[in-house]
Amino acid sequence: MRPWALLVSLTALAGCSASTTERQRLPPLETVPHVDLARYAGTWYEIASFPQSFQRGCVATTATYTTRGDGDIDVLNRCRKESLDGVEKSALGRARVVDSTTNAKLEVSFFRPFWGDYWIIDLGATYEHAVVGHPGRDYLWILSRAPKMQEATYEGILARLKAKGYDTSRLKRTPQ
């Protein structure tokens, strides 16, 4: 099979599989009421996430968001491979707001024309932490402005995620 045909087939199959939300008949995922994108911009450290194949071997993972004049957001993801002093890998993408009422529902793309949902589902009062999810509850990232997060803050986030129907046992802490 030609590579492009295989890609189209795999994409179609992925679109047919049921998400965690559908399989468990969970209510629709709610986002935070509002996000000030200027305050959200800057660097975030990944504290924990659901393991994803595109992040295999990554540690010291960060995401830096930069607002653009056209309303979109540049996204620069970085990580070190295998160890804190490993080779740095990076990927540059773009995000766009899909719900301008809240600014909490975005789509992000690293490989256009493919866009993925990026929903901000928890946010600290002073933008000291954020949680990014997906409406299907199959992706999850806990982010912080600092490389380390207080355990009480982390536990509070876990409690709120459980209440939203997330299986927090799937979270893997990210070495920073």
Protein backbone atom coordinates (compact mmCIF):
# COMPACT_ATOMS: atom_id res chain seq x y z
CA MET A 1 0.00 0.00 0.00
CA ARG A 2 1.28 3.47 -0.83
CA PRO A 3 2.26 5.62 2.17
CA TRP A 4 -0.40 8.27 1.51
CA ALA A 5 -3.11 5.61 1.15
CA LEU A 6 -2.02 4.02 4.41
CA LEU A 7 -2.15 7.42 6.14
CA VAL A 8 -5.66 8.09 4.83
CA SER A 9 -6.81 4.62 5.91
CA LEU A 10 -5.37 4.97 9.42
CA THR A 11 -6.88 8.44 9.79
CA ALA A 12 -10.29 7.13 8.75
CA LEU A 13 -10.05 4.22 11.18
CA ALA A 14 -9.01 6.52 14.03
CA GLY A 15 -12.08 8.65 13.33
CA CYS A 16 -14.29 5.59 13.71
CA SER A 17 -12.99 4.46 17.10
CA ALA A 18 -14.98 5.43 20.16
CA SER A 19 -13.44 7.91 22.54
CA THR A 20 -13.23 7.40 26.29
CA THR A 21 -16.14 9.82 26.66
CA GLU A 22 -18.29 7.71 24.32
CA ARG A 23 -17.24 4.31 25.70
CA GLN A 24 -17.94 5.32 29.28
CA ARG A 25 -21.01 7.43 28.42
CA LEU A 26 -19.58 10.42 30.25
CA PRO A 27 -21.19 13.87 30.06
CA PRO A 28 -19.62 16.38 27.65
CA LEU A 29 -16.32 17.76 28.90
CA GLU A 30 -16.52 21.29 30.24
CA THR A 31 -13.83 23.92 29.82
CA VAL A 32 -12.98 26.84 32.06
CA PRO A 33 -15.34 29.83 31.65
CA HIS A 34 -12.74 32.17 30.12
CA VAL A 35 -9.05 32.33 29.17
CA ASP A 36 -7.12 35.57 28.72
CA LEU A 37 -4.80 34.47 25.92
CA ALA A 38 -2.28 37.23 26.65
CA ARG A 39 -1.91 35.88 30.21
CA TYR A 40 -1.85 32.29 28.94
CA ALA A 41 1.04 33.08 26.57
CA GLY A 42 4.55 32.18 27.69
CA THR A 43 6.28 29.00 28.74
CA TRP A 44 4.60 26.09 30.50
CA TYR A 45 6.30 23.02 31.98
CA GLU A 46 4.66 19.64 31.58
CA ILE A 47 4.12 18.15 35.04
CA ALA A 48 2.24 15.03 33.92
CA SER A 49 0.39 13.68 30.90
CA PHE A 50 -1.31 10.69 29.38
CA PRO A 51 1.56 8.99 27.49
CA GLN A 52 1.41 9.61 23.74
CA SER A 53 3.51 7.98 21.04
CA PHE A 54 4.69 11.35 19.70
CA GLN A 55 6.20 12.14 23.14
CA ARG A 56 7.96 8.79 23.63
CA GLY A 57 11.28 9.26 25.40
CA CYS A 58 10.64 12.92 26.22
CA VAL A 59 11.60 14.51 29.52
CA ALA A 60 11.94 18.19 30.50
CA THR A 61 8.98 18.93 28.23
CA THR A 62 7.85 22.54 27.75
CA ALA A 63 5.38 24.39 25.57
CA THR A 64 5.81 28.05 24.73
CA TYR A 65 2.81 29.97 23.40
CA THR A 66 3.22 33.28 21.56
CA THR A 67 0.24 35.34 20.44
CA ARG A 68 0.28 36.49 16.84
CA GLY A 69 -1.14 39.60 15.20
CA ASP A 70 -3.63 37.52 13.20
CA GLY A 71 -5.23 36.09 16.35
CA ASP A 72 -3.55 32.70 16.11
CA ILE A 73 -0.92 31.43 18.54
CA ASP A 74 2.51 30.02 17.75
CA VAL A 75 3.23 26.85 19.72
CA LEU A 76 6.79 25.70 20.33
CA ASN A 77 7.04 22.31 22.05
CA ARG A 78 10.44 21.21 23.35
CA CYS A 79 11.75 18.20 25.19
CA ARG A 80 14.97 16.39 25.95
CA LYS A 81 15.30 12.83 24.72
CA GLU A 82 15.74 10.13 27.38
CA SER A 83 17.47 12.30 30.03
CA LEU A 84 17.54 15.85 31.37
CA ASP A 85 20.79 16.47 29.50
CA GLY A 86 19.70 14.58 26.37
CA VAL A 87 19.40 16.02 22.89
CA GLU A 88 16.73 18.70 22.61
CA LYS A 89 13.88 18.06 20.19
CA SER A 90 11.38 20.69 19.17
CA ALA A 91 8.23 21.05 17.10
CA LEU A 92 6.66 24.29 15.93
CA GLY A 93 2.91 24.44 15.47
CA ARG A 94 0.03 26.83 15.44
CA ALA A 95 -3.12 27.09 17.52
CA ARG A 96 -6.37 28.83 16.69
CA VAL A 97 -9.33 29.72 18.88
CA VAL A 98 -12.54 27.89 17.95
CA ASP A 99 -14.72 29.34 20.73
CA SER A 100 -14.11 33.08 21.01
CA THR A 101 -16.69 33.41 23.79
CA THR A 102 -14.42 31.58 26.24
CA ASN A 103 -11.06 31.27 24.40
CA ALA A 104 -10.87 27.89 26.20
CA LYS A 105 -11.45 25.73 23.12
CA LEU A 106 -8.63 25.80 20.63
CA GLU A 107 -7.30 23.61 17.88
CA VAL A 108 -3.60 23.00 17.38
CA SER A 109 -1.72 21.77 14.34
CA PHE A 110 1.83 20.62 13.90
CA PHE A 111 1.07 18.92 10.57
CA ARG A 112 -1.40 20.93 8.53
CA PRO A 113 -4.04 20.29 7.37
CA PHE A 114 -4.63 18.18 10.51
CA TRP A 115 -5.90 20.00 13.60
CA GLY A 116 -6.52 18.55 17.07
CA ASP A 117 -8.72 19.77 19.88
CA TYR A 118 -6.93 21.60 22.71
CA TRP A 119 -9.34 22.44 25.51
CA ILE A 120 -8.32 24.27 28.67
CA ILE A 121 -10.29 22.45 31.36
CA ASP A 122 -8.62 23.74 34.54
CA LEU A 123 -6.73 26.97 35.14
CA GLY A 124 -5.16 28.48 38.23
CA ALA A 125 -6.51 31.84 39.40
CA THR A 126 -3.17 33.50 38.62
CA TYR A 127 -2.41 31.30 35.59
CA GLU A 128 0.15 29.35 37.63
CA HIS A 129 -1.14 26.02 36.31
CA ALA A 130 -3.35 24.76 33.50
CA VAL A 131 -4.84 21.46 32.45
CA VAL A 132 -5.35 20.73 28.77
CA GLY A 133 -7.72 18.02 27.69
CA HIS A 134 -9.62 16.71 24.71
CA PRO A 135 -13.40 16.33 24.43
CA GLY A 136 -12.94 12.56 24.10
CA ARG A 137 -10.84 12.48 27.32
CA ASP A 138 -8.12 10.50 25.52
CA TYR A 139 -5.44 13.21 25.89
CA LEU A 140 -4.43 15.09 29.01
CA TRP A 141 -1.62 17.40 30.07
CA ILE A 142 -1.03 19.07 33.43
CA LEU A 143 1.06 22.22 32.98
CA SER A 144 2.77 24.63 35.35
CA ARG A 145 4.65 27.90 35.04
CA ALA A 146 7.42 26.34 37.14
CA PRO A 147 9.20 23.01 36.60
CA LYS A 148 7.85 21.69 39.92
CA MET A 149 4.33 21.80 41.33
CA GLN A 150 3.33 21.65 44.98
CA GLU A 151 1.88 18.25 45.84
CA ALA A 152 -1.30 19.78 47.32
CA THR A 153 -1.93 21.63 44.03
CA TYR A 154 -1.35 18.44 42.04
CA GLU A 155 -3.69 16.43 44.28
CA GLY A 156 -6.38 19.12 43.93
CA ILE A 157 -6.09 18.92 40.15
CA LEU A 158 -6.37 15.12 40.28
CA ALA A 159 -9.55 15.36 42.35
CA ARG A 160 -11.11 17.78 39.84
CA LEU A 161 -10.06 15.55 36.93
CA LYS A 162 -11.65 12.50 38.55
CA ALA A 163 -14.86 14.50 38.97
CA LYS A 164 -14.71 15.26 35.22
CA GLY A 165 -14.49 11.53 34.42
CA TYR A 166 -10.76 11.22 33.77
CA ASP A 167 -8.89 8.03 34.68
CA THR A 168 -6.03 9.71 36.51
CA SER A 169 -4.20 6.40 36.97
CA ARG A 170 -3.10 6.83 33.34
CA LEU A 171 -1.12 10.00 34.16
CA LYS A 172 2.65 9.77 33.99
CA ARG A 173 4.77 12.40 35.74
CA THR A 174 7.26 14.20 33.51
CA PRO A 175 10.83 14.54 34.86
CA GLN A 176 11.88 18.20 34.81
